[in-house]
C-alpha atoms as a PDB file:
ATOM      1  CA  MET A   1       0.000   0.000   0.000  1.00  0.00           C
ATOM      2  CA  LEU A   2       1.298   3.426  -0.948  1.00  0.00           C
ATOM      3  CA  PRO A   3       1.464   6.266   1.567  1.00  0.00           C
ATOM      4  CA  ASP A   4      -0.577   9.424   0.970  1.00  0.00           C
ATOM      5  CA  LEU A   5       2.378  11.001  -0.836  1.00  0.00           C
ATOM      6  CA  THR A   6       5.349   9.362  -2.529  1.00  0.00           C
ATOM      7  CA  LEU A   7       8.222  11.313  -4.097  1.00  0.00           C
ATOM      8  CA  ILE A   8      10.246   9.717  -6.880  1.00  0.00           C
ATOM      9  CA  ILE A   9      13.293  11.840  -7.632  1.00  0.00           C
ATOM     10  CA  GLY A  10      16.247  11.456  -9.944  1.00  0.00           C
ATOM     11  CA  GLY A  11      18.179  12.976 -12.796  1.00  0.00           C
ATOM     12  CA  ALA A  12      17.066  13.289 -16.391  1.00  0.00           C
ATOM     13  CA  ALA A  13      16.479   9.904 -18.077  1.00  0.00           C
ATOM     14  CA  SER A  14      17.214   8.084 -14.796  1.00  0.00           C
ATOM     15  CA  GLY A  15      14.210   5.765 -15.012  1.00  0.00           C
ATOM     16  CA  LYS A  16      12.180   7.631 -12.399  1.00  0.00           C
ATOM     17  CA  SER A  17       8.969   7.809 -14.478  1.00  0.00           C
ATOM     18  CA  ASP A  18       9.084   4.092 -15.307  1.00  0.00           C
ATOM     19  CA  PHE A  19       9.631   3.287 -11.632  1.00  0.00           C
ATOM     20  CA  ALA A  20       6.780   5.587 -10.573  1.00  0.00           C
ATOM     21  CA  GLU A  21       4.437   4.047 -13.144  1.00  0.00           C
ATOM     22  CA  GLY A  22       5.276   0.593 -11.789  1.00  0.00           C
ATOM     23  CA  LEU A  23       4.446   1.671  -8.234  1.00  0.00           C
ATOM     24  CA  VAL A  24       1.151   3.177  -9.336  1.00  0.00           C
ATOM     25  CA  THR A  25       0.205   0.123 -11.409  1.00  0.00           C
ATOM     26  CA  SER A  26       1.014  -2.278  -8.564  1.00  0.00           C
ATOM     27  CA  CYS A  27      -1.327  -0.348  -6.258  1.00  0.00           C
ATOM     28  CA  GLY A  28      -4.385  -1.808  -8.008  1.00  0.00           C
ATOM     29  CA  ASN A  29      -6.454   1.398  -7.805  1.00  0.00           C
ATOM     30  CA  ASP A  30      -7.844   3.328 -10.768  1.00  0.00           C
ATOM     31  CA  LYS A  31      -4.877   5.142 -12.312  1.00  0.00           C
ATOM     32  CA  ILE A  32      -4.890   8.898 -12.955  1.00  0.00           C
ATOM     33  CA  TYR A  33      -1.976  10.455 -14.814  1.00  0.00           C
ATOM     34  CA  LEU A  34      -1.580  14.194 -14.166  1.00  0.00           C
ATOM     35  CA  ALA A  35       0.484  15.383 -17.107  1.00  0.00           C
ATOM     36  CA  THR A  36       2.404  18.623 -16.653  1.00  0.00           C
ATOM     37  CA  ALA A  37       4.355  18.552 -19.928  1.00  0.00           C
ATOM     38  CA  GLN A  38       3.458  20.875 -22.766  1.00  0.00           C
ATOM     39  CA  ALA A  39       4.297  19.938 -26.347  1.00  0.00           C
ATOM     40  CA  HIS A  40       5.925  23.128 -27.608  1.00  0.00           C
ATOM     41  CA  ASP A  41       8.134  21.364 -30.175  1.00  0.00           C
ATOM     42  CA  GLY A  42       8.520  18.124 -32.086  1.00  0.00           C
ATOM     43  CA  GLU A  43      10.984  16.651 -29.626  1.00  0.00           C
ATOM     44  CA  MET A  44       8.534  17.108 -26.755  1.00  0.00           C
ATOM     45  CA  VAL A  45       5.665  15.686 -28.833  1.00  0.00           C
ATOM     46  CA  ALA A  46       7.771  12.574 -29.456  1.00  0.00           C
ATOM     47  CA  LYS A  47       8.691  12.275 -25.760  1.00  0.00           C
ATOM     48  CA  ILE A  48       5.052  12.562 -24.673  1.00  0.00           C
ATOM     49  CA  ASN A  49       4.050   9.945 -27.254  1.00  0.00           C
ATOM     50  CA  ARG A  50       6.772   7.553 -25.991  1.00  0.00           C
ATOM     51  CA  HIS A  51       5.585   7.989 -22.399  1.00  0.00           C
ATOM     52  CA  GLN A  52       1.943   7.381 -23.369  1.00  0.00           C
ATOM     53  CA  LYS A  53       2.853   4.269 -25.348  1.00  0.00           C
ATOM     54  CA  SER A  54       5.021   2.833 -22.557  1.00  0.00           C
ATOM     55  CA  ARG A  55       2.264   3.419 -19.961  1.00  0.00           C
ATOM     56  CA  GLY A  56      -0.262   1.487 -22.020  1.00  0.00           C
ATOM     57  CA  SER A  57      -3.991   1.529 -21.459  1.00  0.00           C
ATOM     58  CA  GLY A  58      -5.951   1.825 -18.249  1.00  0.00           C
ATOM     59  CA  TRP A  59      -4.848   5.345 -17.369  1.00  0.00           C
ATOM     60  CA  ARG A  60      -7.084   8.411 -17.198  1.00  0.00           C
ATOM     61  CA  THR A  61      -4.897  11.286 -18.333  1.00  0.00           C
ATOM     62  CA  ILE A  62      -5.564  14.826 -17.141  1.00  0.00           C
ATOM     63  CA  GLU A  63      -3.530  17.661 -18.638  1.00  0.00           C
ATOM     64  CA  ALA A  64      -2.477  19.896 -15.745  1.00  0.00           C
ATOM     65  CA  PRO A  65       0.485  22.021 -16.861  1.00  0.00           C
ATOM     66  CA  LEU A  66      -0.227  24.845 -14.401  1.00  0.00           C
ATOM     67  CA  ASP A  67      -2.993  23.839 -11.982  1.00  0.00           C
ATOM     68  CA  PRO A  68      -3.203  20.209 -10.840  1.00  0.00           C
ATOM     69  CA  ALA A  69      -5.224  21.189  -7.730  1.00  0.00           C
ATOM     70  CA  PRO A  70      -8.708  20.572  -9.253  1.00  0.00           C
ATOM     71  CA  ALA A  71      -7.702  17.106 -10.481  1.00  0.00           C
ATOM     72  CA  LEU A  72      -6.186  16.273  -7.090  1.00  0.00           C
ATOM     73  CA  ALA A  73      -9.371  17.471  -5.376  1.00  0.00           C
ATOM     74  CA  SER A  74     -11.541  15.267  -7.600  1.00  0.00           C
ATOM     75  CA  ALA A  75      -9.551  12.072  -6.988  1.00  0.00           C
ATOM     76  CA  THR A  76     -11.184   9.497  -4.718  1.00  0.00           C
ATOM     77  CA  ALA A  77      -9.849   6.859  -2.338  1.00  0.00           C
ATOM     78  CA  ASN A  78     -10.352   4.327  -5.166  1.00  0.00           C
ATOM     79  CA  ASP A  79      -7.824   6.183  -7.330  1.00  0.00           C
ATOM     80  CA  VAL A  80      -4.067   6.519  -7.351  1.00  0.00           C
ATOM     81  CA  VAL A  81      -2.540   9.623  -8.920  1.00  0.00           C
ATOM     82  CA  LEU A  82       0.767   9.994 -10.730  1.00  0.00           C
ATOM     83  CA  LEU A  83       1.873  13.618 -11.126  1.00  0.00           C
ATOM     84  CA  ASP A  84       4.610  13.606 -13.752  1.00  0.00           C
ATOM     85  CA  CYS A  85       6.416  15.825 -13.226  1.00  0.00           C
ATOM     86  CA  ALA A  86       6.934  18.545 -10.632  1.00  0.00           C
ATOM     87  CA  THR A  87       9.929  19.870 -12.562  1.00  0.00           C
ATOM     88  CA  LEU A  88       7.932  20.596 -15.707  1.00  0.00           C
ATOM     89  CA  TRP A  89       5.115  22.010 -13.565  1.00  0.00           C
ATOM     90  CA  LEU A  90       7.589  24.406 -11.913  1.00  0.00           C
ATOM     91  CA  THR A  91       9.059  25.336 -15.302  1.00  0.00           C
ATOM     92  CA  ASN A  92       5.556  26.155 -16.549  1.00  0.00           C
ATOM     93  CA  GLN A  93       5.010  28.335 -13.473  1.00  0.00           C
ATOM     94  CA  LEU A  94       8.319  30.121 -14.044  1.00  0.00           C
ATOM     95  CA  MET A  95       7.578  30.760 -17.722  1.00  0.00           C
ATOM     96  CA  ALA A  96       4.092  32.061 -16.793  1.00  0.00           C
ATOM     97  CA  LYS A  97       5.822  34.457 -14.354  1.00  0.00           C
ATOM     98  CA  SER A  98       3.814  33.026 -11.457  1.00  0.00           C
ATOM     99  CA  ASP A  99       4.674  33.625  -7.835  1.00  0.00           C
ATOM    100  CA  LEU A 100       6.660  30.395  -7.385  1.00  0.00           C
ATOM    101  CA  GLU A 101       6.358  30.295  -3.599  1.00  0.00           C
ATOM    102  CA  ALA A 102       2.577  30.784  -3.704  1.00  0.00           C
ATOM    103  CA  ALA A 103       2.161  28.223  -6.500  1.00  0.00           C
ATOM    104  CA  SER A 104       4.279  25.697  -4.597  1.00  0.00           C
ATOM    105  CA  ARG A 105       2.250  26.237  -1.408  1.00  0.00           C
ATOM    106  CA  THR A 106      -0.964  25.688  -3.395  1.00  0.00           C
ATOM    107  CA  LEU A 107       0.414  22.460  -4.866  1.00  0.00           C
ATOM    108  CA  LEU A 108       1.595  21.157  -1.488  1.00  0.00           C
ATOM    109  CA  THR A 109      -1.784  21.963   0.082  1.00  0.00           C
ATOM    110  CA  ALA A 110      -3.627  20.173  -2.755  1.00  0.00           C
ATOM    111  CA  LEU A 111      -1.372  17.128  -2.373  1.00  0.00           C
ATOM    112  CA  ALA A 112      -2.035  16.993   1.383  1.00  0.00           C
ATOM    113  CA  ALA A 113      -5.808  17.242   0.853  1.00  0.00           C
ATOM    114  CA  CYS A 114      -6.002  14.624  -1.909  1.00  0.00           C
ATOM    115  CA  LYS A 115      -8.075  11.555  -0.931  1.00  0.00           C
ATOM    116  CA  ALA A 116      -6.048   9.277  -3.224  1.00  0.00           C
ATOM    117  CA  PRO A 117      -2.423   8.258  -2.796  1.00  0.00           C
ATOM    118  CA  VAL A 118      -0.250  10.473  -4.990  1.00  0.00           C
ATOM    119  CA  VAL A 119       3.115   9.668  -6.545  1.00  0.00           C
ATOM    120  CA  VAL A 120       5.067  12.751  -7.645  1.00  0.00           C
ATOM    121  CA  VAL A 121       7.992  12.523 -10.048  1.00  0.00           C
ATOM    122  CA  SER A 122      10.614  15.275  -9.825  1.00  0.00           C
ATOM    123  CA  ASN A 123      14.116  15.964 -11.086  1.00  0.00           C
ATOM    124  CA  GLU A 124      17.069  16.399  -8.769  1.00  0.00           C
ATOM    125  CA  VAL A 125      18.740  19.534 -10.107  1.00  0.00           C
ATOM    126  CA  GLY A 126      21.173  20.392  -7.326  1.00  0.00           C
ATOM    127  CA  ALA A 127      23.984  17.984  -8.205  1.00  0.00           C
ATOM    128  CA  GLY A 128      25.399  20.054 -11.059  1.00  0.00           C
ATOM    129  CA  ILE A 129      27.365  23.250 -11.312  1.00  0.00           C
ATOM    130  CA  VAL A 130      25.953  26.670 -10.445  1.00  0.00           C
ATOM    131  CA  PRO A 131      24.178  27.931 -13.584  1.00  0.00           C
ATOM    132  CA  GLN A 132      25.620  30.985 -15.279  1.00  0.00           C
ATOM    133  CA  ASN A 133      22.387  32.914 -15.842  1.00  0.00           C
ATOM    134  CA  ALA A 134      19.933  34.334 -13.318  1.00  0.00           C
ATOM    135  CA  LEU A 135      16.834  32.549 -14.670  1.00  0.00           C
ATOM    136  CA  ALA A 136      18.520  29.139 -14.437  1.00  0.00           C
ATOM    137  CA  ARG A 137      19.719  29.912 -10.887  1.00  0.00           C
ATOM    138  CA  GLN A 138      16.201  31.032  -9.897  1.00  0.00           C
ATOM    139  CA  PHE A 139      14.772  27.785 -11.282  1.00  0.00           C
ATOM    140  CA  ARG A 140      17.392  25.601  -9.577  1.00  0.00           C
ATOM    141  CA  GLU A 141      16.766  27.263  -6.209  1.00  0.00           C
ATOM    142  CA  ALA A 142      12.978  27.019  -6.553  1.00  0.00           C
ATOM    143  CA  GLN A 143      13.194  23.359  -7.643  1.00  0.00           C
ATOM    144  CA  GLY A 144      15.463  22.553  -4.708  1.00  0.00           C
ATOM    145  CA  ARG A 145      13.030  24.160  -2.263  1.00  0.00           C
ATOM    146  CA  LEU A 146      10.054  22.373  -3.860  1.00  0.00           C
ATOM    147  CA  ASN A 147      11.853  19.015  -3.741  1.00  0.00           C
ATOM    148  CA  GLN A 148      12.707  19.526  -0.070  1.00  0.00           C
ATOM    149  CA  SER A 149       9.076  20.363   0.716  1.00  0.00           C
ATOM    150  CA  LEU A 150       7.805  17.356  -1.234  1.00  0.00           C
ATOM    151  CA  ALA A 151      10.283  15.055   0.522  1.00  0.00           C
ATOM    152  CA  SER A 152       9.322  16.449   3.920  1.00  0.00           C
ATOM    153  CA  GLN A 153       5.614  15.848   3.239  1.00  0.00           C
ATOM    154  CA  ALA A 154       6.117  12.415   1.638  1.00  0.00           C
ATOM    155  CA  GLY A 155       5.782   9.148   3.512  1.00  0.00           C
ATOM    156  CA  LEU A 156       8.025   7.508   0.905  1.00  0.00           C
ATOM    157  CA  ALA A 157      10.887   9.117  -1.018  1.00  0.00           C
ATOM    158  CA  VAL A 158      12.890   7.162  -3.584  1.00  0.00           C
ATOM    159  CA  MET A 159      15.901   8.306  -5.621  1.00  0.00           C
ATOM    160  CA  VAL A 160      16.257   6.554  -8.976  1.00  0.00           C
ATOM    161  CA  ILE A 161      19.704   6.420 -10.571  1.00  0.00           C
ATOM    162  CA  ALA A 162      20.376   4.380 -13.726  1.00  0.00           C
ATOM    163  CA  GLY A 163      17.004   2.704 -13.253  1.00  0.00           C
ATOM    164  CA  LEU A 164      17.879   1.560  -9.739  1.00  0.00           C
ATOM    165  CA  PRO A 165      15.697   2.740  -6.835  1.00  0.00           C
ATOM    166  CA  MET A 166      17.269   3.816  -3.562  1.00  0.00           C
ATOM    167  CA  VAL A 167      14.829   4.406  -0.713  1.00  0.00           C
ATOM    168  CA  LEU A 168      15.590   7.677   1.052  1.00  0.00           C
ATOM    169  CA  LYS A 169      12.592   7.686   3.392  1.00  0.00           C
ATOM    170  CA  GLY A 170       9.900   5.146   4.253  1.00  0.00           C
ATOM    171  CA  THR A 171       9.494   1.598   2.963  1.00  0.00           C
ATOM    172  CA  LEU A 172       8.624   0.356  -0.511  1.00  0.00           C
ATOM    173  CA  PRO A 173       5.311  -1.520  -0.647  1.00  0.00           C
ATOM    174  CA  THR A 174       5.641  -5.276  -1.060  1.00  0.00           C
END
């Protein structure tokens, strides 16, 4: 059984989404996929298509690039929600010139109030060098704060590196 909130974190192309999808599928509840990606170019269209194909059928997909709160509020105890991913959601907020702290608080509140277990996928962005430009530094700092808040609120936190999960907090369901 999954806790109320699970955080799956890792670098780009680490296998975190595949791992998160496996956790959600093994739960046995009705699967909701909260998609935060926006297809602004051909590369992103192809990536979204690959993700959809690898997930297969049986998922209800809700596009939530900026505001996943209504979808989280409508989920029931019979559902399990996969929010993929917090990094793209934060990028969308940054590009929309949103108040990042207020948006993050709203997301964290919606996650805490959700009646279904939620698995959130996020990128670890703090392991690299300090970015050269101000926008990239603002994003890295905001993503680091969001990841810390998600991990604090989560009952289970797992880092995925090279497709291998490492439990940081909690216990994986059997």
